C-alpha atoms as a PDB file:
ATOM      1  CA  MET A   1     -14.253   5.642  21.063  1.00  0.00           C
ATOM      2  CA  LEU A   2     -15.339   6.323  17.509  1.00  0.00           C
ATOM      3  CA  ARG A   3     -17.568   9.273  16.955  1.00  0.00           C
ATOM      4  CA  GLY A   4     -20.980   8.106  15.864  1.00  0.00           C
ATOM      5  CA  GLY A   5     -22.694   9.428  12.716  1.00  0.00           C
ATOM      6  CA  VAL A   6     -25.914   9.491  14.591  1.00  0.00           C
ATOM      7  CA  GLU A   7     -24.419  11.986  17.084  1.00  0.00           C
ATOM      8  CA  GLN A   8     -23.765  14.653  14.409  1.00  0.00           C
ATOM      9  CA  VAL A   9     -25.952  17.703  15.092  1.00  0.00           C
ATOM     10  CA  SER A  10     -26.886  20.785  12.943  1.00  0.00           C
ATOM     11  CA  GLN A  11     -27.921  23.912  14.746  1.00  0.00           C
ATOM     12  CA  PHE A  12     -28.199  27.372  13.459  1.00  0.00           C
ATOM     13  CA  LYS A  13     -28.869  31.124  13.892  1.00  0.00           C
ATOM     14  CA  ILE A  14     -30.315  33.774  11.600  1.00  0.00           C
ATOM     15  CA  GLU A  15     -27.467  36.146  10.778  1.00  0.00           C
ATOM     16  CA  GLY A  16     -28.231  39.878  11.223  1.00  0.00           C
ATOM     17  CA  THR A  17     -25.831  40.672   8.440  1.00  0.00           C
ATOM     18  CA  PRO A  18     -24.848  37.977   5.739  1.00  0.00           C
ATOM     19  CA  GLY A  19     -21.589  36.297   6.802  1.00  0.00           C
ATOM     20  CA  GLU A  20     -21.392  37.618  10.349  1.00  0.00           C
ATOM     21  CA  GLY A  21     -21.451  34.118  11.952  1.00  0.00           C
ATOM     22  CA  GLY A  22     -21.965  33.753  15.758  1.00  0.00           C
ATOM     23  CA  ALA A  23     -23.054  31.124  18.094  1.00  0.00           C
ATOM     24  CA  ALA A  24     -25.988  28.944  16.975  1.00  0.00           C
ATOM     25  CA  ASN A  25     -29.045  29.626  19.087  1.00  0.00           C
ATOM     26  CA  ARG A  26     -31.718  27.363  17.385  1.00  0.00           C
ATOM     27  CA  TYR A  27     -32.093  23.683  16.883  1.00  0.00           C
ATOM     28  CA  SER A  28     -34.906  22.329  14.661  1.00  0.00           C
ATOM     29  CA  GLU A  29     -36.376  18.840  15.132  1.00  0.00           C
ATOM     30  CA  SER A  30     -37.956  19.014  11.692  1.00  0.00           C
ATOM     31  CA  PHE A  31     -35.128  20.021   9.413  1.00  0.00           C
ATOM     32  CA  ASN A  32     -31.450  19.357   9.033  1.00  0.00           C
ATOM     33  CA  PHE A  33     -28.568  21.265   7.314  1.00  0.00           C
ATOM     34  CA  MET A  34     -26.201  19.069   5.567  1.00  0.00           C
ATOM     35  CA  LEU A  35     -23.108  20.867   4.314  1.00  0.00           C
ATOM     36  CA  ASP A  36     -19.604  19.887   3.001  1.00  0.00           C
ATOM     37  CA  ARG A  37     -16.604  21.932   1.873  1.00  0.00           C
ATOM     38  CA  ASN A  38     -15.911  22.318  -1.861  1.00  0.00           C
ATOM     39  CA  PHE A  39     -12.310  22.947  -3.027  1.00  0.00           C
ATOM     40  CA  ASP A  40     -13.006  23.358  -6.753  1.00  0.00           C
ATOM     41  CA  PRO A  41      -9.580  21.810  -7.662  1.00  0.00           C
ATOM     42  CA  LYS A  42      -7.819  22.906 -10.840  1.00  0.00           C
ATOM     43  CA  ASN A  43      -5.190  20.452 -12.201  1.00  0.00           C
ATOM     44  CA  PHE A  44      -2.172  20.848 -14.496  1.00  0.00           C
ATOM     45  CA  ARG A  45      -0.052  18.055 -15.966  1.00  0.00           C
ATOM     46  CA  GLY A  46       3.581  18.864 -16.655  1.00  0.00           C
ATOM     47  CA  SER A  47       5.121  17.543 -19.943  1.00  0.00           C
ATOM     48  CA  GLY A  48       6.261  14.048 -19.780  1.00  0.00           C
ATOM     49  CA  SER A  49       4.132  13.133 -16.787  1.00  0.00           C
ATOM     50  CA  LYS A  50       1.416  10.517 -16.944  1.00  0.00           C
ATOM     51  CA  VAL A  51      -0.335  12.101 -13.945  1.00  0.00           C
ATOM     52  CA  ASN A  52      -1.212  15.607 -12.910  1.00  0.00           C
ATOM     53  CA  THR A  53       1.746  17.520 -11.376  1.00  0.00           C
ATOM     54  CA  VAL A  54       0.033  20.641  -9.969  1.00  0.00           C
ATOM     55  CA  LYS A  55      -3.240  21.023  -8.052  1.00  0.00           C
ATOM     56  CA  VAL A  56      -4.686  24.406  -6.996  1.00  0.00           C
ATOM     57  CA  HIS A  57      -7.631  24.740  -4.670  1.00  0.00           C
ATOM     58  CA  HIS A  58      -9.459  27.664  -6.414  1.00  0.00           C
ATOM     59  CA  LYS A  59     -12.985  28.755  -5.544  1.00  0.00           C
ATOM     60  CA  LYS A  60     -13.126  27.436  -1.842  1.00  0.00           C
ATOM     61  CA  MET A  61     -16.662  27.400  -0.531  1.00  0.00           C
ATOM     62  CA  ALA A  62     -19.238  24.961   0.816  1.00  0.00           C
ATOM     63  CA  GLY A  63     -22.498  23.498  -0.378  1.00  0.00           C
ATOM     64  CA  GLY A  64     -25.213  20.982   0.490  1.00  0.00           C
ATOM     65  CA  SER A  65     -28.877  20.956   1.371  1.00  0.00           C
ATOM     66  CA  LEU A  66     -31.572  21.619   3.978  1.00  0.00           C
ATOM     67  CA  ASP A  67     -33.974  18.701   4.166  1.00  0.00           C
ATOM     68  CA  ALA A  68     -37.303  19.008   6.127  1.00  0.00           C
ATOM     69  CA  ILE A  69     -40.804  17.815   6.675  1.00  0.00           C
ATOM     70  CA  LEU A  70     -43.297  20.499   6.197  1.00  0.00           C
ATOM     71  CA  ASP A  71     -43.917  21.963   9.628  1.00  0.00           C
ATOM     72  CA  TYR A  72     -45.853  25.043  10.946  1.00  0.00           C
ATOM     73  CA  ASN A  73     -43.032  26.084  13.288  1.00  0.00           C
ATOM     74  CA  SER A  74     -39.997  25.561  11.055  1.00  0.00           C
ATOM     75  CA  PHE A  75     -41.312  26.559   7.573  1.00  0.00           C
ATOM     76  CA  PRO A  76     -41.057  30.292   8.381  1.00  0.00           C
ATOM     77  CA  TYR A  77     -37.285  29.839   8.783  1.00  0.00           C
ATOM     78  CA  ILE A  78     -37.003  28.431   5.204  1.00  0.00           C
ATOM     79  CA  CYS A  79     -39.093  31.215   3.868  1.00  0.00           C
ATOM     80  CA  ASN A  80     -36.907  33.837   5.585  1.00  0.00           C
ATOM     81  CA  GLY A  81     -33.963  32.369   3.699  1.00  0.00           C
ATOM     82  CA  LEU A  82     -35.538  32.865   0.228  1.00  0.00           C
ATOM     83  CA  PHE A  83     -37.999  35.754   0.181  1.00  0.00           C
ATOM     84  CA  VAL A  84     -38.550  39.219   1.770  1.00  0.00           C
ATOM     85  CA  PRO A  85     -39.998  38.749   5.202  1.00  0.00           C
ATOM     86  CA  GLY A  86     -42.745  40.955   6.505  1.00  0.00           C
ATOM     87  CA  THR A  87     -42.956  42.162  10.072  1.00  0.00           C
ATOM     88  CA  ARG A  88     -43.666  39.304  12.499  1.00  0.00           C
ATOM     89  CA  ALA A  89     -46.787  40.354  14.497  1.00  0.00           C
ATOM     90  CA  GLN A  90     -49.020  38.911  17.148  1.00  0.00           C
ATOM     91  CA  ILE A  91     -52.532  38.628  15.938  1.00  0.00           C
ATOM     92  CA  ASP A  92     -54.378  37.098  18.872  1.00  0.00           C
ATOM     93  CA  THR A  93     -54.535  37.247  22.533  1.00  0.00           C
ATOM     94  CA  SER A  94     -53.080  33.789  22.994  1.00  0.00           C
ATOM     95  CA  GLY A  95     -49.901  34.183  21.113  1.00  0.00           C
ATOM     96  CA  GLY A  96     -50.372  33.465  17.467  1.00  0.00           C
ATOM     97  CA  TYR A  97     -47.817  35.244  15.264  1.00  0.00           C
ATOM     98  CA  ASN A  98     -48.435  36.152  11.602  1.00  0.00           C
ATOM     99  CA  GLN A  99     -45.638  36.698   8.982  1.00  0.00           C
ATOM    100  CA  THR A 100     -45.829  37.139   5.257  1.00  0.00           C
ATOM    101  CA  PHE A 101     -43.209  36.489   2.686  1.00  0.00           C
ATOM    102  CA  THR A 102     -43.211  38.278  -0.760  1.00  0.00           C
ATOM    103  CA  ALA A 103     -41.497  36.752  -3.871  1.00  0.00           C
ATOM    104  CA  ASN A 104     -40.631  39.949  -5.588  1.00  0.00           C
ATOM    105  CA  THR A 105     -40.896  40.146  -9.416  1.00  0.00           C
ATOM    106  CA  ARG A 106     -38.994  43.306 -10.227  1.00  0.00           C
ATOM    107  CA  THR A 107     -37.511  44.470  -6.882  1.00  0.00           C
ATOM    108  CA  SER A 108     -34.649  42.969  -4.853  1.00  0.00           C
ATOM    109  CA  ASP A 109     -34.888  40.145  -2.413  1.00  0.00           C
ATOM    110  CA  ALA A 110     -31.953  41.493  -0.547  1.00  0.00           C
ATOM    111  CA  ALA A 111     -33.922  41.491   2.700  1.00  0.00           C
ATOM    112  CA  ARG A 112     -33.951  37.707   2.787  1.00  0.00           C
ATOM    113  CA  LYS A 113     -32.017  36.121   5.651  1.00  0.00           C
ATOM    114  CA  THR A 114     -28.767  34.012   5.730  1.00  0.00           C
ATOM    115  CA  PHE A 115     -27.795  31.541   8.452  1.00  0.00           C
ATOM    116  CA  ALA A 116     -24.799  30.659  10.509  1.00  0.00           C
ATOM    117  CA  VAL A 117     -24.673  26.843  10.994  1.00  0.00           C
ATOM    118  CA  GLU A 118     -22.771  24.560  13.219  1.00  0.00           C
ATOM    119  CA  ILE A 119     -22.466  20.864  12.350  1.00  0.00           C
ATOM    120  CA  GLY A 120     -20.773  18.366  14.599  1.00  0.00           C
ATOM    121  CA  ASP A 121     -20.864  16.781  17.975  1.00  0.00           C
ATOM    122  CA  GLY A 122     -19.575  17.257  21.487  1.00  0.00           C
ATOM    123  CA  THR A 123     -15.971  16.664  20.335  1.00  0.00           C
ATOM    124  CA  ALA A 124     -15.776  19.237  17.546  1.00  0.00           C
ATOM    125  CA  CYS A 125     -17.798  20.953  14.986  1.00  0.00           C
ATOM    126  CA  GLU A 126     -17.505  22.958  11.708  1.00  0.00           C
ATOM    127  CA  ASP A 127     -18.852  26.502  11.691  1.00  0.00           C
ATOM    128  CA  PHE A 128     -20.367  27.696   8.401  1.00  0.00           C
ATOM    129  CA  THR A 129     -21.265  31.335   7.730  1.00  0.00           C
ATOM    130  CA  PHE A 130     -23.281  33.063   4.948  1.00  0.00           C
ATOM    131  CA  VAL A 131     -25.330  29.897   4.538  1.00  0.00           C
ATOM    132  CA  GLN A 132     -27.661  30.889   1.692  1.00  0.00           C
ATOM    133  CA  LEU A 133     -30.683  28.871   0.564  1.00  0.00           C
ATOM    134  CA  VAL A 134     -30.750  28.838  -3.145  1.00  0.00           C
ATOM    135  CA  ASN A 135     -33.968  27.097  -4.159  1.00  0.00           C
ATOM    136  CA  MET A 136     -36.931  25.215  -2.758  1.00  0.00           C
ATOM    137  CA  ALA A 137     -38.958  22.184  -3.599  1.00  0.00           C
ATOM    138  CA  LEU A 138     -42.096  21.484  -1.657  1.00  0.00           C
ATOM    139  CA  GLU A 139     -43.824  18.183  -2.311  1.00  0.00           C
ATOM    140  CA  ALA A 140     -47.305  17.337  -0.971  1.00  0.00           C
ATOM    141  CA  THR A 141     -48.581  13.777  -1.613  1.00  0.00           C
ATOM    142  CA  GLN A 142     -51.037  11.509  -0.019  1.00  0.00           C
ATOM    143  CA  ASP A 143     -48.106   9.926   1.919  1.00  0.00           C
ATOM    144  CA  GLY A 144     -46.295  12.897   3.224  1.00  0.00           C
ATOM    145  CA  PHE A 145     -45.147  16.503   2.847  1.00  0.00           C
ATOM    146  CA  THR A 146     -41.487  17.400   2.412  1.00  0.00           C
ATOM    147  CA  VAL A 147     -39.398  20.530   1.799  1.00  0.00           C
ATOM    148  CA  LYS A 148     -35.858  20.653   0.380  1.00  0.00           C
ATOM    149  CA  SER A 149     -33.511  23.494  -0.440  1.00  0.00           C
ATOM    150  CA  ASP A 150     -30.010  23.519  -1.844  1.00  0.00           C
ATOM    151  CA  CYS A 151     -27.567  25.697   0.087  1.00  0.00           C
ATOM    152  CA  ILE A 152     -24.257  27.443  -0.541  1.00  0.00           C
ATOM    153  CA  ALA A 153     -22.045  28.793   2.185  1.00  0.00           C
ATOM    154  CA  ARG A 154     -18.556  30.229   2.785  1.00  0.00           C
ATOM    155  CA  PHE A 155     -15.669  27.716   3.398  1.00  0.00           C
ATOM    156  CA  PRO A 156     -16.120  26.466   7.019  1.00  0.00           C
ATOM    157  CA  THR A 157     -13.888  26.978  10.051  1.00  0.00           C
ATOM    158  CA  ASP A 158     -12.805  23.550  11.533  1.00  0.00           C
ATOM    159  CA  ASN A 159     -12.461  22.183  15.016  1.00  0.00           C
ATOM    160  CA  GLN A 160     -14.824  24.424  16.804  1.00  0.00           C
ATOM    161  CA  SER A 161     -17.198  23.698  19.657  1.00  0.00           C
ATOM    162  CA  LEU A 162     -20.986  23.509  19.438  1.00  0.00           C
ATOM    163  CA  ALA A 163     -22.880  26.262  21.118  1.00  0.00           C
ATOM    164  CA  GLY A 164     -24.690  25.133  24.184  1.00  0.00           C
ATOM    165  CA  SER A 165     -28.360  25.042  24.974  1.00  0.00           C
ATOM    166  CA  PRO A 166     -29.890  26.337  21.727  1.00  0.00           C
ATOM    167  CA  THR A 167     -33.660  26.968  21.748  1.00  0.00           C
ATOM    168  CA  VAL A 168     -35.437  23.819  20.367  1.00  0.00           C
ATOM    169  CA  ILE A 169     -38.070  24.503  17.690  1.00  0.00           C
ATOM    170  CA  VAL A 170     -40.817  22.162  18.702  1.00  0.00           C
ATOM    171  CA  PRO A 171     -42.227  20.380  15.704  1.00  0.00           C
ATOM    172  CA  ARG A 172     -45.742  20.971  14.458  1.00  0.00           C
ATOM    173  CA  PRO A 173     -45.894  18.918  11.298  1.00  0.00           C
ATOM    174  CA  VAL A 174     -48.640  19.537   8.589  1.00  0.00           C
ATOM    175  CA  GLU A 175     -50.944  16.511   8.206  1.00  0.00           C
ATOM    176  CA  ARG A 176     -52.753  15.403   5.191  1.00  0.00           C
ATOM    177  CA  GLY A 177     -56.139  16.333   6.624  1.00  0.00           C
ATOM    178  CA  ASP A 178     -55.005  19.914   7.126  1.00  0.00           C
ATOM    179  CA  VAL A 179     -54.762  20.874   3.507  1.00  0.00           C
ATOM    180  CA  ASP A 180     -57.009  22.406   0.995  1.00  0.00           C
ATOM    181  CA  VAL A 181     -56.322  23.646  -2.548  1.00  0.00           C
ATOM    182  CA  TYR A 182     -58.254  26.490  -4.167  1.00  0.00           C
ATOM    183  CA  ILE A 183     -58.276  27.606  -7.832  1.00  0.00           C
ATOM    184  CA  ASP A 184     -60.126  30.685  -8.984  1.00  0.00           C
ATOM    185  CA  THR A 185     -60.539  32.746 -12.119  1.00  0.00           C
ATOM    186  CA  THR A 186     -59.868  36.137 -10.448  1.00  0.00           C
ATOM    187  CA  PHE A 187     -57.684  37.411  -7.681  1.00  0.00           C
ATOM    188  CA  GLY A 188     -60.744  38.860  -5.928  1.00  0.00           C
ATOM    189  CA  GLY A 189     -62.243  35.374  -5.755  1.00  0.00           C
ATOM    190  CA  LEU A 190     -59.124  33.750  -4.529  1.00  0.00           C
ATOM    191  CA  GLY A 191     -59.960  31.113  -1.763  1.00  0.00           C
ATOM    192  CA  THR A 192     -63.494  30.644  -3.008  1.00  0.00           C
ATOM    193  CA  THR A 193     -63.434  27.599  -5.208  1.00  0.00           C
ATOM    194  CA  LYS A 194     -61.980  24.425  -3.631  1.00  0.00           C
ATOM    195  CA  LEU A 195     -60.340  21.897  -5.794  1.00  0.00           C
ATOM    196  CA  THR A 196     -62.426  19.023  -4.457  1.00  0.00           C
ATOM    197  CA  GLU A 197     -60.288  16.001  -5.381  1.00  0.00           C
ATOM    198  CA  ALA A 198     -56.796  17.280  -5.376  1.00  0.00           C
ATOM    199  CA  GLN A 199     -54.319  14.432  -5.137  1.00  0.00           C
ATOM    200  CA  LYS A 200     -50.795  15.922  -5.285  1.00  0.00           C
ATOM    201  CA  GLU A 201     -49.169  19.302  -5.369  1.00  0.00           C
ATOM    202  CA  SER A 202     -45.627  20.464  -5.794  1.00  0.00           C
ATOM    203  CA  LEU A 203     -44.017  23.999  -5.543  1.00  0.00           C
ATOM    204  CA  ASN A 204     -40.596  24.454  -7.121  1.00  0.00           C
ATOM    205  CA  ILE A 205     -38.612  27.558  -6.822  1.00  0.00           C
ATOM    206  CA  GLY A 206     -35.600  27.464  -9.011  1.00  0.00           C
ATOM    207  CA  ASN A 207     -32.044  28.747  -8.262  1.00  0.00           C
ATOM    208  CA  LYS A 208     -32.581  32.373  -7.098  1.00  0.00           C
ATOM    209  CA  PHE A 209     -28.996  33.202  -5.888  1.00  0.00           C
ATOM    210  CA  LYS A 210     -25.391  32.556  -7.154  1.00  0.00           C
ATOM    211  CA  GLU A 211     -22.104  33.148  -5.310  1.00  0.00           C
ATOM    212  CA  ALA A 212     -19.827  35.974  -6.445  1.00  0.00           C
ATOM    213  CA  PHE A 213     -15.997  35.697  -6.186  1.00  0.00           C
ATOM    214  CA  PHE A 214     -13.498  38.531  -6.678  1.00  0.00           C
ATOM    215  CA  HIS A 215      -9.723  38.896  -6.904  1.00  0.00           C
ATOM    216  CA  ASN A 216      -9.418  40.465  -3.410  1.00  0.00           C
ATOM    217  CA  SER A 217      -7.229  38.864  -0.751  1.00  0.00           C
ATOM    218  CA  ALA A 218      -9.689  39.918   1.986  1.00  0.00           C
ATOM    219  CA  ASN A 219     -12.192  37.280   0.601  1.00  0.00           C
ATOM    220  CA  SER A 220     -10.940  33.791   1.229  1.00  0.00           C
ATOM    221  CA  SER A 221     -14.237  32.371  -0.010  1.00  0.00           C
ATOM    222  CA  PHE A 222     -17.101  34.084  -1.987  1.00  0.00           C
ATOM    223  CA  ALA A 223     -17.658  37.700  -1.144  1.00  0.00           C
ATOM    224  CA  ASP A 224     -21.423  37.929  -1.784  1.00  0.00           C
ATOM    225  CA  VAL A 225     -24.295  36.514  -3.671  1.00  0.00           C
ATOM    226  CA  VAL A 226     -26.238  37.927  -6.614  1.00  0.00           C
ATOM    227  CA  GLU A 227     -29.884  37.364  -7.589  1.00  0.00           C
ATOM    228  CA  ILE A 228     -30.496  35.532 -10.851  1.00  0.00           C
ATOM    229  CA  PRO A 229     -33.605  34.895 -12.842  1.00  0.00           C
ATOM    230  CA  TYR A 230     -35.568  31.795 -12.016  1.00  0.00           C
ATOM    231  CA  ASP A 231     -38.736  29.911 -13.254  1.00  0.00           C
ATOM    232  CA  PRO A 232     -41.066  29.210 -10.339  1.00  0.00           C
ATOM    233  CA  LYS A 233     -43.539  26.328 -10.912  1.00  0.00           C
ATOM    234  CA  PHE A 234     -46.654  24.965  -9.352  1.00  0.00           C
ATOM    235  CA  ASN A 235     -47.961  21.556 -10.440  1.00  0.00           C
ATOM    236  CA  PHE A 236     -50.910  19.605  -9.181  1.00  0.00           C
ATOM    237  CA  GLU A 237     -52.978  16.577  -9.886  1.00  0.00           C
ATOM    238  CA  SER A 238     -56.702  16.288  -9.659  1.00  0.00           C
ATOM    239  CA  ALA A 239     -59.128  13.420 -10.243  1.00  0.00           C
ATOM    240  CA  HIS A 240     -60.648  14.039 -13.792  1.00  0.00           C
ATOM    241  CA  ASN A 241     -64.064  14.979 -12.431  1.00  0.00           C
ATOM    242  CA  SER A 242     -66.462  17.676 -13.841  1.00  0.00           C
ATOM    243  CA  GLN A 243     -64.311  20.366 -12.289  1.00  0.00           C
ATOM    244  CA  SER A 244     -61.199  19.072 -13.991  1.00  0.00           C
ATOM    245  CA  ARG A 245     -62.965  18.645 -17.278  1.00  0.00           C
ATOM    246  CA  THR A 246     -64.097  22.339 -17.128  1.00  0.00           C
ATOM    247  CA  LEU A 247     -60.474  23.400 -16.462  1.00  0.00           C
ATOM    248  CA  VAL A 248     -59.156  21.380 -19.385  1.00  0.00           C
ATOM    249  CA  ALA A 249     -61.762  22.857 -21.707  1.00  0.00           C
ATOM    250  CA  ALA A 250     -60.679  26.333 -20.755  1.00  0.00           C
ATOM    251  CA  LEU A 251     -56.930  25.820 -21.439  1.00  0.00           C
ATOM    252  CA  ASP A 252     -57.227  26.625 -25.234  1.00  0.00           C
ATOM    253  CA  SER A 253     -57.574  30.325 -24.223  1.00  0.00           C
ATOM    254  CA  ASN A 254     -54.320  30.324 -22.236  1.00  0.00           C
ATOM    255  CA  PRO A 255     -56.061  31.525 -19.123  1.00  0.00           C
ATOM    256  CA  TYR A 256     -54.670  33.019 -15.911  1.00  0.00           C
ATOM    257  CA  ARG A 257     -55.746  31.278 -12.670  1.00  0.00           C
ATOM    258  CA  TRP A 258     -55.095  32.091  -9.063  1.00  0.00           C
ATOM    259  CA  ILE A 259     -54.269  29.349  -6.696  1.00  0.00           C
ATOM    260  CA  ARG A 260     -54.234  29.079  -2.929  1.00  0.00           C
ATOM    261  CA  TRP A 261     -52.541  26.065  -1.192  1.00  0.00           C
ATOM    262  CA  GLU A 262     -53.501  26.235   2.517  1.00  0.00           C
ATOM    263  CA  ALA A 263     -52.793  24.097   5.540  1.00  0.00           C
ATOM    264  CA  LEU A 264     -54.597  24.917   8.926  1.00  0.00           C
ATOM    265  CA  GLY A 265     -53.420  23.246  12.093  1.00  0.00           C
ATOM    266  CA  ASN A 266     -54.286  23.640  15.696  1.00  0.00           C
ATOM    267  CA  GLN A 267     -56.220  26.626  17.029  1.00  0.00           C
ATOM    268  CA  LEU A 268     -53.905  29.169  18.766  1.00  0.00           C
ATOM    269  CA  GLY A 269     -56.510  31.518  20.148  1.00  0.00           C
ATOM    270  CA  VAL A 270     -59.045  34.116  18.942  1.00  0.00           C
ATOM    271  CA  ASN A 271     -58.399  37.620  17.519  1.00  0.00           C
ATOM    272  CA  ALA A 272     -59.960  40.903  18.715  1.00  0.00           C
ATOM    273  CA  LEU A 273     -63.152  40.017  16.799  1.00  0.00           C
ATOM    274  CA  SER A 274     -63.386  36.689  18.630  1.00  0.00           C
ATOM    275  CA  VAL A 275     -62.572  34.879  15.378  1.00  0.00           C
ATOM    276  CA  PRO A 276     -60.501  31.673  15.849  1.00  0.00           C
ATOM    277  CA  VAL A 277     -56.850  31.861  14.765  1.00  0.00           C
ATOM    278  CA  TYR A 278     -55.206  28.640  13.629  1.00  0.00           C
ATOM    279  CA  GLU A 279     -51.671  27.604  12.715  1.00  0.00           C
ATOM    280  CA  MET A 280     -51.413  28.203   9.093  1.00  0.00           C
ATOM    281  CA  ILE A 281     -49.213  27.936   5.885  1.00  0.00           C
ATOM    282  CA  ARG A 282     -50.907  29.809   2.960  1.00  0.00           C
ATOM    283  CA  ILE A 283     -49.325  29.975  -0.475  1.00  0.00           C
ATOM    284  CA  ASP A 284     -51.065  32.343  -2.869  1.00  0.00           C
ATOM    285  CA  LEU A 285     -49.980  32.529  -6.511  1.00  0.00           C
ATOM    286  CA  CYS A 286     -50.896  33.624  -9.994  1.00  0.00           C
ATOM    287  CA  ILE A 287     -50.246  31.040 -12.818  1.00  0.00           C
ATOM    288  CA  GLN A 288     -50.566  30.148 -16.444  1.00  0.00           C
ATOM    289  CA  PHE A 289     -50.666  26.557 -17.697  1.00  0.00           C
ATOM    290  CA  ASP A 290     -47.679  24.772 -19.340  1.00  0.00           C
ATOM    291  CA  ALA A 291     -49.246  21.306 -19.806  1.00  0.00           C
ATOM    292  CA  ALA A 292     -52.152  19.060 -18.926  1.00  0.00           C
ATOM    293  CA  LYS A 293     -51.576  15.336 -18.996  1.00  0.00           C
ATOM    294  CA  ALA A 294     -53.935  12.468 -18.462  1.00  0.00           C
ATOM    295  CA  LEU A 295     -52.832   9.920 -15.838  1.00  0.00           C
ATOM    296  CA  ARG A 296     -54.339   6.500 -16.680  1.00  0.00           C
ATOM    297  CA  ASN A 297     -52.798   4.437 -13.857  1.00  0.00           C
ATOM    298  CA  GLU A 298     -54.608   1.133 -13.297  1.00  0.00           C
ATOM    299  CA  GLY A 299     -55.923   0.939  -9.712  1.00  0.00           C
ATOM    300  CA  ASP A 300     -55.872   4.760  -9.298  1.00  0.00           C
ATOM    301  CA  PRO A 301     -58.518   7.292 -10.143  1.00  0.00           C
ATOM    302  CA  PHE A 302     -58.400   8.605 -13.567  1.00  0.00           C
ATOM    303  CA  ALA A 303     -56.669  11.967 -13.093  1.00  0.00           C
ATOM    304  CA  TYR A 304     -55.013  14.909 -14.832  1.00  0.00           C
ATOM    305  CA  ALA A 305     -51.677  16.289 -13.917  1.00  0.00           C
ATOM    306  CA  TYR A 306     -51.479  20.084 -14.501  1.00  0.00           C
ATOM    307  CA  GLU A 307     -48.103  21.831 -14.936  1.00  0.00           C
ATOM    308  CA  THR A 308     -48.073  25.576 -14.486  1.00  0.00           C
ATOM    309  CA  SER A 309     -45.676  28.586 -14.294  1.00  0.00           C
ATOM    310  CA  MET A 310     -46.103  31.398 -11.894  1.00  0.00           C
ATOM    311  CA  MET A 311     -46.761  34.780 -13.573  1.00  0.00           C
ATOM    312  CA  PRO A 312     -46.553  38.434 -12.290  1.00  0.00           C
ATOM    313  CA  ASP A 313     -49.849  39.904 -10.817  1.00  0.00           C
ATOM    314  CA  PRO A 314     -49.038  43.579 -10.164  1.00  0.00           C
ATOM    315  CA  THR A 315     -52.618  44.637  -9.545  1.00  0.00           C
ATOM    316  CA  GLY A 316     -53.807  41.660  -7.383  1.00  0.00           C
ATOM    317  CA  LEU A 317     -51.094  39.823  -5.432  1.00  0.00           C
ATOM    318  CA  GLY A 318     -48.541  42.499  -6.166  1.00  0.00           C
ATOM    319  CA  ALA A 319     -46.138  39.724  -6.970  1.00  0.00           C
ATOM    320  CA  HIS A 320     -46.190  36.222  -8.481  1.00  0.00           C
ATOM    321  CA  MET A 321     -46.355  34.532  -5.075  1.00  0.00           C
ATOM    322  CA  ILE A 322     -47.012  35.423  -1.432  1.00  0.00           C
ATOM    323  CA  ILE A 323     -46.599  33.019   1.469  1.00  0.00           C
ATOM    324  CA  THR A 324     -48.370  33.690   4.786  1.00  0.00           C
ATOM    325  CA  THR A 325     -47.487  31.738   7.968  1.00  0.00           C
ATOM    326  CA  ILE A 326     -49.046  31.713  11.450  1.00  0.00           C
ATOM    327  CA  ASN A 327     -47.608  29.836  14.471  1.00  0.00           C
ATOM    328  CA  GLY A 328     -46.953  30.268  18.103  1.00  0.00           C
ATOM    329  CA  ILE A 329     -43.294  31.401  17.859  1.00  0.00           C
ATOM    330  CA  ALA A 330     -42.851  35.016  18.898  1.00  0.00           C
ATOM    331  CA  THR A 331     -39.268  35.463  17.731  1.00  0.00           C
ATOM    332  CA  LEU A 332     -37.558  33.379  15.083  1.00  0.00           C
END
């Protein structure tokens, strides 16, 4: 019988050391790894021949993507793959676990995690190691929330067997009514002023890592990755109400602003002070503006689209962005 495309599974584990591999022990119902081998062929055409006569498979590796819906339970895995993870800690008596992720400005993000990924079915699978998330695009619209990251990986090992009984990450998708956006003029006031008619937001983290190859027979694929400069962006749309008009009027002075994008889900419990603890994704960042564009779409509210770049905030955030997550998973 033919193997069905619908039967192809991706499951994974967080590697303790980049490239160590090992049996996958996690399966997510809210994101998929999609990876393929890349031979990087180099061709040569001998004299007198109308076609190439020599082909060399040179920088052998793999690449692809991670595609997801925004989910309280799975998003921390994505953050682990790009940023420096803080200690995962229980913060209430019922099992709410907090973790922060810092986007470092001048220090290394070497503490980020890599993944071992198995892709296949009950007949055979391909094992990918040193799966490195490279970037991230988060889109929040009125119709849905998605996350995507491009990936690189070492060249796979073929005809392996899927690990049995991985832990299933139960989905807890973020809903439209969970989200608030705040924009404030100081870091100390962050989270005070709600953007009352936010329509759309996007967070774009450009390529942060690049593979490094060496002339060394011990490395059949890339040996490691290096960090590279990137240009993180946060864009948002707002109905052009009095709040938006005030913001537009201030742009002439090239102001800094502090933004909080926050989703709150189900209550997990209460903390030691009897304060409710909720599922949460909180993204705090410091920005300056690149552009403000009027949106005059017939049938939609008159709105403005604001394009911004994240900027260092050494005395407030201590970075250009910090992500905080809370969910009910004790160990990722």
